Amino acid sequence: MPVTVEEYKERLAARLVEEAPTLKEFRNRWVIPPDRKELLGRLPDAGRSAFLVRALEEMTDFDLYDVLAELGYGLAPKRRGERADAFLYKHAAWLSGLPLATSATLKALAQQFSRSGTDSLENPQIFQTPEVVRAGGLAALRNLGKPADILRQTKERLFAA
């Protein structure tokens, strides 16, 4: 039996909130790749529903996080570039307190996000991109600790922005 786009979105939103009852829980699961994959897999059509809604709503400039956060939790969606800019603005004090190369690397990572979204931040090749290499790359992140932990913290801040 055919369903309308609105009914489809309602089903997707209901399942999302069933899996992650709060925006905070959704965000916490989103920043950890295996948790995000599991969450997406539990959505209708094994997660394809989220991509379909993004296409139908003409939200290709938005990260899937924003598409789902709007559907399930009423969060005003931001385009990838807007989210990266909000991260840089809202976390300027944090970034300015970091070593220069570390801050520059995190800013370069935010710019990568603005182009390709969450997936770009988790692509191992991101640290070979010219902008990230010029900024300081992995060595700059190691100044703060384990790069994977720094990247997770950065994603938490990015999606909270």
Protein backbone atom coordinates (compact mmCIF):
# COMPACT_ATOMS: atom_id res chain seq x y z
CA MET A 1 0.00 0.00 0.00
CA PRO A 2 1.55 3.33 -1.06
CA VAL A 3 2.30 5.93 1.59
CA THR A 4 2.70 9.67 1.28
CA VAL A 5 6.04 11.33 1.84
CA GLU A 6 4.70 12.77 5.09
CA GLU A 7 3.66 9.33 6.35
CA TYR A 8 7.06 7.97 5.38
CA LYS A 9 8.79 10.78 7.28
CA GLU A 10 6.56 10.19 10.31
CA ARG A 11 7.49 6.50 10.34
CA LEU A 12 11.17 7.36 10.05
CA ALA A 13 10.94 9.94 12.85
CA ALA A 14 9.05 7.54 15.13
CA ARG A 15 11.62 4.79 14.63
CA LEU A 16 14.51 7.21 15.15
CA VAL A 17 13.10 8.47 18.46
CA GLU A 18 12.38 4.90 19.51
CA GLU A 19 16.06 4.05 18.95
CA ALA A 20 17.48 7.30 20.37
CA PRO A 21 14.86 8.97 22.62
CA THR A 22 16.68 12.30 23.01
CA LEU A 23 18.69 14.61 20.78
CA LYS A 24 21.64 14.15 23.13
CA GLU A 25 21.49 10.37 22.80
CA PHE A 26 21.16 10.70 19.02
CA ARG A 27 24.21 12.98 18.90
CA ASN A 28 26.22 10.66 21.15
CA ARG A 29 25.49 7.72 18.88
CA TRP A 30 26.07 9.74 15.72
CA VAL A 31 29.69 10.64 16.52
CA ILE A 32 30.76 7.01 17.01
CA PRO A 33 30.83 5.30 13.59
CA PRO A 34 29.77 1.77 14.68
CA ASP A 35 26.95 3.21 16.82
CA ARG A 36 25.79 5.41 13.94
CA LYS A 37 25.87 2.47 11.53
CA GLU A 38 23.81 0.39 13.95
CA LEU A 39 21.32 3.24 14.43
CA LEU A 40 20.93 3.79 10.70
CA GLY A 41 20.51 0.06 10.19
CA ARG A 42 17.54 0.03 12.56
CA LEU A 43 15.70 2.73 10.63
CA PRO A 44 13.11 1.83 7.98
CA ASP A 45 14.61 0.26 4.86
CA ALA A 46 17.88 -0.33 6.74
CA GLY A 47 18.71 3.37 6.78
CA ARG A 48 18.00 4.05 3.11
CA SER A 49 14.92 5.95 4.28
CA ALA A 50 17.08 8.76 5.65
CA PHE A 51 18.88 9.17 2.33
CA LEU A 52 15.58 9.06 0.46
CA VAL A 53 14.06 11.78 2.65
CA ARG A 54 17.17 13.93 2.15
CA ALA A 55 16.77 13.60 -1.62
CA LEU A 56 12.99 14.15 -1.62
CA GLU A 57 13.29 17.23 0.59
CA GLU A 58 16.10 18.60 -1.62
CA MET A 59 18.48 18.67 1.35
CA THR A 60 21.61 17.45 -0.42
CA ASP A 61 23.60 20.35 1.10
CA PHE A 62 22.76 19.02 4.58
CA ASP A 63 24.54 16.30 6.49
CA LEU A 64 22.35 13.31 7.26
CA TYR A 65 22.68 14.28 10.94
CA ASP A 66 20.70 17.47 10.29
CA VAL A 67 18.08 15.71 8.18
CA LEU A 68 17.42 13.20 10.96
CA ALA A 69 17.73 15.71 13.82
CA GLU A 70 15.05 17.87 12.21
CA LEU A 71 12.74 14.90 11.62
CA GLY A 72 13.07 13.31 15.02
CA TYR A 73 13.78 16.18 17.37
CA GLY A 74 12.68 19.37 15.62
CA LEU A 75 16.22 20.76 15.42
CA ALA A 76 16.53 23.53 12.84
CA PRO A 77 18.74 21.99 10.15
CA LYS A 78 22.00 23.59 9.06
CA ARG A 79 23.71 23.12 5.74
CA ARG A 80 27.12 21.50 6.07
CA GLY A 81 28.86 24.84 5.55
CA GLU A 82 26.61 26.55 8.10
CA ARG A 83 27.34 23.83 10.64
CA ALA A 84 31.10 24.17 10.07
CA ASP A 85 30.84 27.96 10.43
CA ALA A 86 28.77 27.60 13.62
CA PHE A 87 31.41 25.25 15.03
CA LEU A 88 34.18 27.77 14.31
CA TYR A 89 32.17 30.62 15.83
CA LYS A 90 30.75 28.86 18.90
CA HIS A 91 34.00 27.13 19.77
CA ALA A 92 36.37 29.97 18.90
CA ALA A 93 37.57 30.27 22.52
CA TRP A 94 38.33 26.55 22.70
CA LEU A 95 40.12 26.61 19.34
CA SER A 96 42.17 29.69 20.25
CA GLY A 97 43.33 28.00 23.46
CA LEU A 98 44.86 25.11 21.53
CA PRO A 99 48.34 24.99 20.01
CA LEU A 100 48.31 26.88 16.71
CA ALA A 101 48.85 23.83 14.48
CA THR A 102 46.22 21.83 16.35
CA SER A 103 43.67 24.62 16.01
CA ALA A 104 44.51 25.02 12.32
CA THR A 105 44.09 21.28 11.77
CA LEU A 106 40.68 21.23 13.46
CA LYS A 107 39.60 24.22 11.36
CA ALA A 108 40.77 22.39 8.22
CA LEU A 109 38.77 19.34 9.31
CA ALA A 110 35.69 21.54 9.74
CA GLN A 111 36.19 22.78 6.18
CA GLN A 112 36.35 19.18 4.97
CA PHE A 113 33.05 18.56 6.77
CA SER A 114 31.51 21.55 4.99
CA ARG A 115 32.28 19.86 1.67
CA SER A 116 31.34 16.25 2.35
CA GLY A 117 29.79 15.88 5.81
CA THR A 118 30.27 13.25 8.47
CA ASP A 119 31.71 10.66 6.11
CA SER A 120 34.60 12.95 5.20
CA LEU A 121 35.67 13.19 8.84
CA GLU A 122 35.86 9.42 9.08
CA ASN A 123 37.68 8.80 5.84
CA PRO A 124 41.26 7.77 6.72
CA GLN A 125 42.45 9.78 3.71
CA ILE A 126 41.31 13.05 5.30
CA PHE A 127 44.73 13.44 6.88
CA GLN A 128 46.31 13.37 3.41
CA THR A 129 44.23 16.25 2.05
CA PRO A 130 46.41 19.27 1.28
CA GLU A 131 44.53 21.61 3.64
CA VAL A 132 44.83 19.26 6.60
CA VAL A 133 48.49 18.44 5.87
CA ARG A 134 49.38 22.15 5.58
CA ALA A 135 47.60 22.88 8.87
CA GLY A 136 49.62 20.29 10.78
CA GLY A 137 47.71 17.04 10.27
CA LEU A 138 47.93 14.07 12.59
CA ALA A 139 51.08 15.32 14.29
CA ALA A 140 49.21 18.46 15.37
CA LEU A 141 46.36 16.40 16.83
CA ARG A 142 48.83 14.24 18.74
CA ASN A 143 49.83 17.40 20.64
CA LEU A 144 46.52 17.06 22.51
CA GLY A 145 46.37 13.30 22.84
CA LYS A 146 45.06 10.39 20.84
CA PRO A 147 43.89 11.69 17.43
CA ALA A 148 40.78 9.46 17.45
CA ASP A 149 39.71 10.99 20.78
CA ILE A 150 40.36 14.52 19.52
CA LEU A 151 38.34 13.83 16.38
CA ARG A 152 35.43 12.43 18.44
CA GLN A 153 35.47 15.52 20.70
CA THR A 154 35.54 17.74 17.63
CA LYS A 155 32.54 15.94 16.11
CA GLU A 156 30.67 16.31 19.41
CA ARG A 157 31.29 20.05 19.31
CA LEU A 158 30.49 20.27 15.61
CA PHE A 159 27.10 18.60 15.98
CA ALA A 160 26.27 20.58 19.12
CA ALA A 161 27.00 23.88 17.30
